[in-house]
Amino acid sequence: MALLIETPVSASHGLVDFISAEEYLLRERSLPKAEKHEYLNGKIIKMGGAREKHNAIVGNLQGELYLFLKGKGYRIYNSDMRVHNPLANSYFYPDITVVKGQPLLKDKEFDNLLNPVLIVEVLSKSTEAYDREDKFTAYQSILSLQEYVLVSGEEVRVEYFRKRTANQWEKQLFTQPTEALPLLNGDAPVTLADVYRDVHL
């Protein structure tokens, strides 16, 4: 049964401005690629290194997406590609980002994507609340975004959110290995068995 999620009014949660988005971007681009920080309304969030299970799940899902979407006009990006949402004053590094058609980029540096249609985050204990609350709220105001997926790194459990209207998202929960996620309007029906293949939970 689907659950409708109303879009929260604000993504800020009372965060205090620490630095501007311009300062963040200059700093981020000057750092080694291994050092990543996300940005939300003046707050900088340091990104930690992902564990083996997390990387295995991301690799499985990215591989399955490639097989389904090859030749269909999609582009798939890993967590090195930042997603920028000017409406939420945010820069994030999703685990997986998918674009349909040509990517729209913020500037000539070509490292800030503006038009994702699908974003996937693999949850960990330390990031789950952040991915589920602050990031999802900020993602929801990206006009192109149609689907948001939260994949548990601790159990076979995937939460699939699909935009129904500008301020309403439908949620479906998947917990059985034989179930298939209806990703990208069914263009990529990835099963949970393939998402969690060879992952020891």
Protein backbone atom coordinates (compact mmCIF):
# COMPACT_ATOMS: atom_id res chain seq x y z
CA MET A 1 0.00 0.00 0.00
CA ALA A 2 1.35 3.41 -0.95
CA LEU A 3 1.86 6.17 1.61
CA LEU A 4 1.66 9.81 0.58
CA ILE A 5 4.32 12.13 2.02
CA GLU A 6 3.61 15.85 2.13
CA THR A 7 6.59 18.03 1.35
CA PRO A 8 7.82 19.89 4.47
CA VAL A 9 7.68 23.67 4.30
CA SER A 10 11.39 24.29 4.87
CA ALA A 11 14.66 22.42 4.50
CA SER A 12 16.63 24.68 6.79
CA HIS A 13 15.73 23.21 10.21
CA GLY A 14 17.07 26.41 11.76
CA LEU A 15 20.64 25.97 10.51
CA VAL A 16 22.95 28.91 11.10
CA ASP A 17 24.84 30.37 8.14
CA PHE A 18 28.52 29.51 8.49
CA ILE A 19 29.85 30.24 5.00
CA SER A 20 28.31 31.20 1.68
CA ALA A 21 27.64 28.71 -1.09
CA GLU A 22 30.28 30.46 -3.21
CA GLU A 23 32.90 30.06 -0.48
CA TYR A 24 31.95 26.40 -0.05
CA LEU A 25 32.32 25.69 -3.75
CA LEU A 26 35.73 27.37 -4.01
CA ARG A 27 36.95 25.41 -1.00
CA GLU A 28 35.50 22.09 -2.16
CA ARG A 29 37.06 22.37 -5.58
CA SER A 30 40.48 23.02 -4.07
CA LEU A 31 40.47 19.86 -1.92
CA PRO A 32 41.63 16.37 -2.96
CA LYS A 33 38.81 14.23 -4.38
CA ALA A 34 38.96 11.93 -1.37
CA GLU A 35 37.88 14.80 0.89
CA LYS A 36 34.20 15.52 0.38
CA HIS A 37 31.86 17.88 2.14
CA GLU A 38 28.18 18.53 1.52
CA TYR A 39 26.55 21.91 1.96
CA LEU A 40 23.09 22.93 3.17
CA ASN A 41 22.12 26.51 3.93
CA GLY A 42 25.53 27.55 5.20
CA LYS A 43 26.28 24.35 7.07
CA ILE A 44 29.14 22.11 5.90
CA ILE A 45 28.74 18.37 6.44
CA LYS A 46 31.91 16.26 6.27
CA MET A 47 31.47 13.00 4.37
CA GLY A 48 33.05 9.89 5.85
CA GLY A 49 34.43 6.92 3.95
CA ALA A 50 31.88 4.25 3.03
CA ARG A 51 32.17 0.69 4.34
CA GLU A 52 32.40 -2.49 2.27
CA LYS A 53 28.68 -3.35 2.46
CA HIS A 54 27.74 0.15 1.41
CA ASN A 55 30.10 0.06 -1.57
CA ALA A 56 28.92 -3.41 -2.59
CA ILE A 57 25.27 -2.33 -2.60
CA VAL A 58 26.07 0.80 -4.61
CA GLY A 59 28.11 -1.26 -7.09
CA ASN A 60 25.33 -3.82 -7.51
CA LEU A 61 22.65 -1.23 -8.07
CA GLN A 62 24.75 0.87 -10.41
CA GLY A 63 25.59 -2.21 -12.47
CA GLU A 64 21.95 -3.25 -12.73
CA LEU A 65 20.91 0.26 -13.73
CA TYR A 66 23.51 0.28 -16.48
CA LEU A 67 22.23 -3.04 -17.89
CA PHE A 68 18.62 -1.85 -17.94
CA LEU A 69 19.25 1.71 -19.14
CA LYS A 70 21.94 1.15 -21.77
CA GLY A 71 20.83 2.77 -25.03
CA LYS A 72 17.73 4.40 -23.50
CA GLY A 73 19.08 7.93 -23.19
CA TYR A 74 20.02 7.91 -19.50
CA ARG A 75 23.28 8.82 -17.77
CA ILE A 76 24.33 7.26 -14.46
CA TYR A 77 26.71 9.02 -12.06
CA ASN A 78 28.51 7.83 -8.94
CA SER A 79 29.12 9.75 -5.71
CA ASP A 80 31.85 11.91 -7.24
CA MET A 81 29.19 14.01 -8.99
CA ARG A 82 27.69 16.80 -6.90
CA VAL A 83 24.00 17.62 -7.23
CA HIS A 84 23.18 21.29 -6.77
CA ASN A 85 19.76 22.65 -5.84
CA PRO A 86 19.74 26.46 -5.85
CA LEU A 87 16.22 26.54 -4.38
CA ALA A 88 17.43 24.73 -1.24
CA ASN A 89 20.90 26.33 -1.26
CA SER A 90 22.47 22.87 -1.23
CA TYR A 91 25.23 20.75 -2.71
CA PHE A 92 25.15 16.99 -2.14
CA TYR A 93 27.03 13.86 -3.26
CA PRO A 94 24.33 11.19 -3.78
CA ASP A 95 25.47 7.56 -3.94
CA ILE A 96 23.87 7.23 -7.38
CA THR A 97 22.35 9.90 -9.62
CA VAL A 98 20.54 9.31 -12.91
CA VAL A 99 19.77 11.91 -15.59
CA LYS A 100 17.52 11.45 -18.60
CA GLY A 101 18.80 13.16 -21.73
CA GLN A 102 21.55 15.74 -21.55
CA PRO A 103 22.89 16.77 -18.14
CA LEU A 104 22.37 20.38 -17.09
CA LEU A 105 25.40 21.74 -15.23
CA LYS A 106 25.83 24.83 -13.09
CA ASP A 107 28.93 26.28 -14.75
CA LYS A 108 31.93 25.54 -16.96
CA GLU A 109 33.55 23.39 -14.24
CA PHE A 110 31.01 20.65 -15.14
CA ASP A 111 30.90 19.24 -11.61
CA ASN A 112 27.49 20.40 -10.33
CA LEU A 113 24.48 18.59 -11.77
CA LEU A 114 21.12 20.38 -11.86
CA ASN A 115 18.64 17.93 -13.43
CA PRO A 116 18.60 14.48 -11.79
CA VAL A 117 15.52 12.33 -12.29
CA LEU A 118 16.54 9.61 -9.81
CA ILE A 119 18.67 9.83 -6.67
CA VAL A 120 19.71 6.83 -4.56
CA GLU A 121 21.17 6.99 -1.05
CA VAL A 122 22.43 3.89 0.78
CA LEU A 123 21.74 4.31 4.49
CA SER A 124 24.18 3.80 7.34
CA LYS A 125 23.56 4.24 11.05
CA SER A 126 25.49 7.51 11.08
CA THR A 127 23.78 9.08 8.03
CA GLU A 128 20.25 7.66 8.06
CA ALA A 129 18.53 10.58 9.79
CA TYR A 130 20.36 13.09 7.59
CA ASP A 131 19.50 11.22 4.35
CA ARG A 132 15.90 10.70 5.44
CA GLU A 133 15.20 14.22 6.69
CA ASP A 134 17.46 17.13 5.69
CA LYS A 135 18.61 15.72 2.36
CA PHE A 136 15.22 14.42 1.27
CA THR A 137 13.60 17.74 2.12
CA ALA A 138 16.20 19.59 0.06
CA TYR A 139 15.97 17.13 -2.82
CA GLN A 140 12.20 17.49 -3.09
CA SER A 141 12.41 21.01 -4.52
CA ILE A 142 14.56 19.88 -7.47
CA LEU A 143 12.06 20.29 -10.30
CA SER A 144 13.43 17.45 -12.45
CA LEU A 145 13.61 14.88 -9.65
CA GLN A 146 10.96 12.16 -9.93
CA GLU A 147 12.25 9.35 -7.70
CA TYR A 148 14.21 9.06 -4.46
CA VAL A 149 15.40 5.70 -3.12
CA LEU A 150 16.67 4.87 0.36
CA VAL A 151 18.47 1.52 0.54
CA SER A 152 19.20 0.01 3.95
CA GLY A 153 22.75 -1.13 4.55
CA GLU A 154 21.70 -3.30 7.49
CA GLU A 155 18.78 -5.38 6.19
CA VAL A 156 16.90 -6.18 2.98
CA ARG A 157 14.77 -3.05 2.93
CA VAL A 158 14.30 -0.38 0.27
CA GLU A 159 12.08 2.68 0.51
CA TYR A 160 11.00 4.03 -2.88
CA PHE A 161 9.57 7.54 -3.17
CA ARG A 162 7.93 8.83 -6.36
CA LYS A 163 6.76 12.41 -6.97
CA ARG A 164 3.03 12.67 -7.61
CA THR A 165 2.61 16.45 -7.47
CA ALA A 166 4.91 19.37 -6.70
CA ASN A 167 4.40 18.85 -2.97
CA GLN A 168 3.33 15.23 -2.65
CA TRP A 169 5.41 12.05 -2.80
CA GLU A 170 4.21 8.45 -2.75
CA LYS A 171 6.20 5.94 -0.70
CA GLN A 172 6.45 2.19 -1.27
CA LEU A 173 8.34 -0.24 0.94
CA PHE A 174 10.12 -3.30 -0.48
CA THR A 175 11.49 -6.07 1.77
CA GLN A 176 11.35 -9.28 -0.27
CA PRO A 177 14.28 -10.39 -2.49
CA THR A 178 11.89 -11.27 -5.33
CA GLU A 179 10.32 -7.81 -5.41
CA ALA A 180 11.39 -5.43 -8.19
CA LEU A 181 11.80 -1.69 -7.78
CA PRO A 182 9.81 0.17 -10.48
CA LEU A 183 12.69 2.55 -11.18
CA LEU A 184 12.40 5.21 -13.89
CA ASN A 185 8.82 4.41 -14.85
CA GLY A 186 9.66 0.73 -15.08
CA ASP A 187 12.67 1.17 -17.38
CA ALA A 188 14.86 -0.42 -14.69
CA PRO A 189 12.94 -3.05 -12.67
CA VAL A 190 15.81 -4.01 -10.38
CA THR A 191 15.06 -6.80 -7.90
CA LEU A 192 16.14 -6.62 -4.27
CA ALA A 193 17.97 -9.91 -4.80
CA ASP A 194 20.24 -8.11 -7.26
CA VAL A 195 20.59 -5.01 -5.07
CA TYR A 196 21.85 -7.17 -2.19
CA ARG A 197 23.66 -9.84 -4.22
CA ASP A 198 26.70 -11.21 -2.31
CA VAL A 199 26.19 -8.62 0.46
CA HIS A 200 26.47 -10.16 3.93
CA LEU A 201 24.02 -8.32 6.19
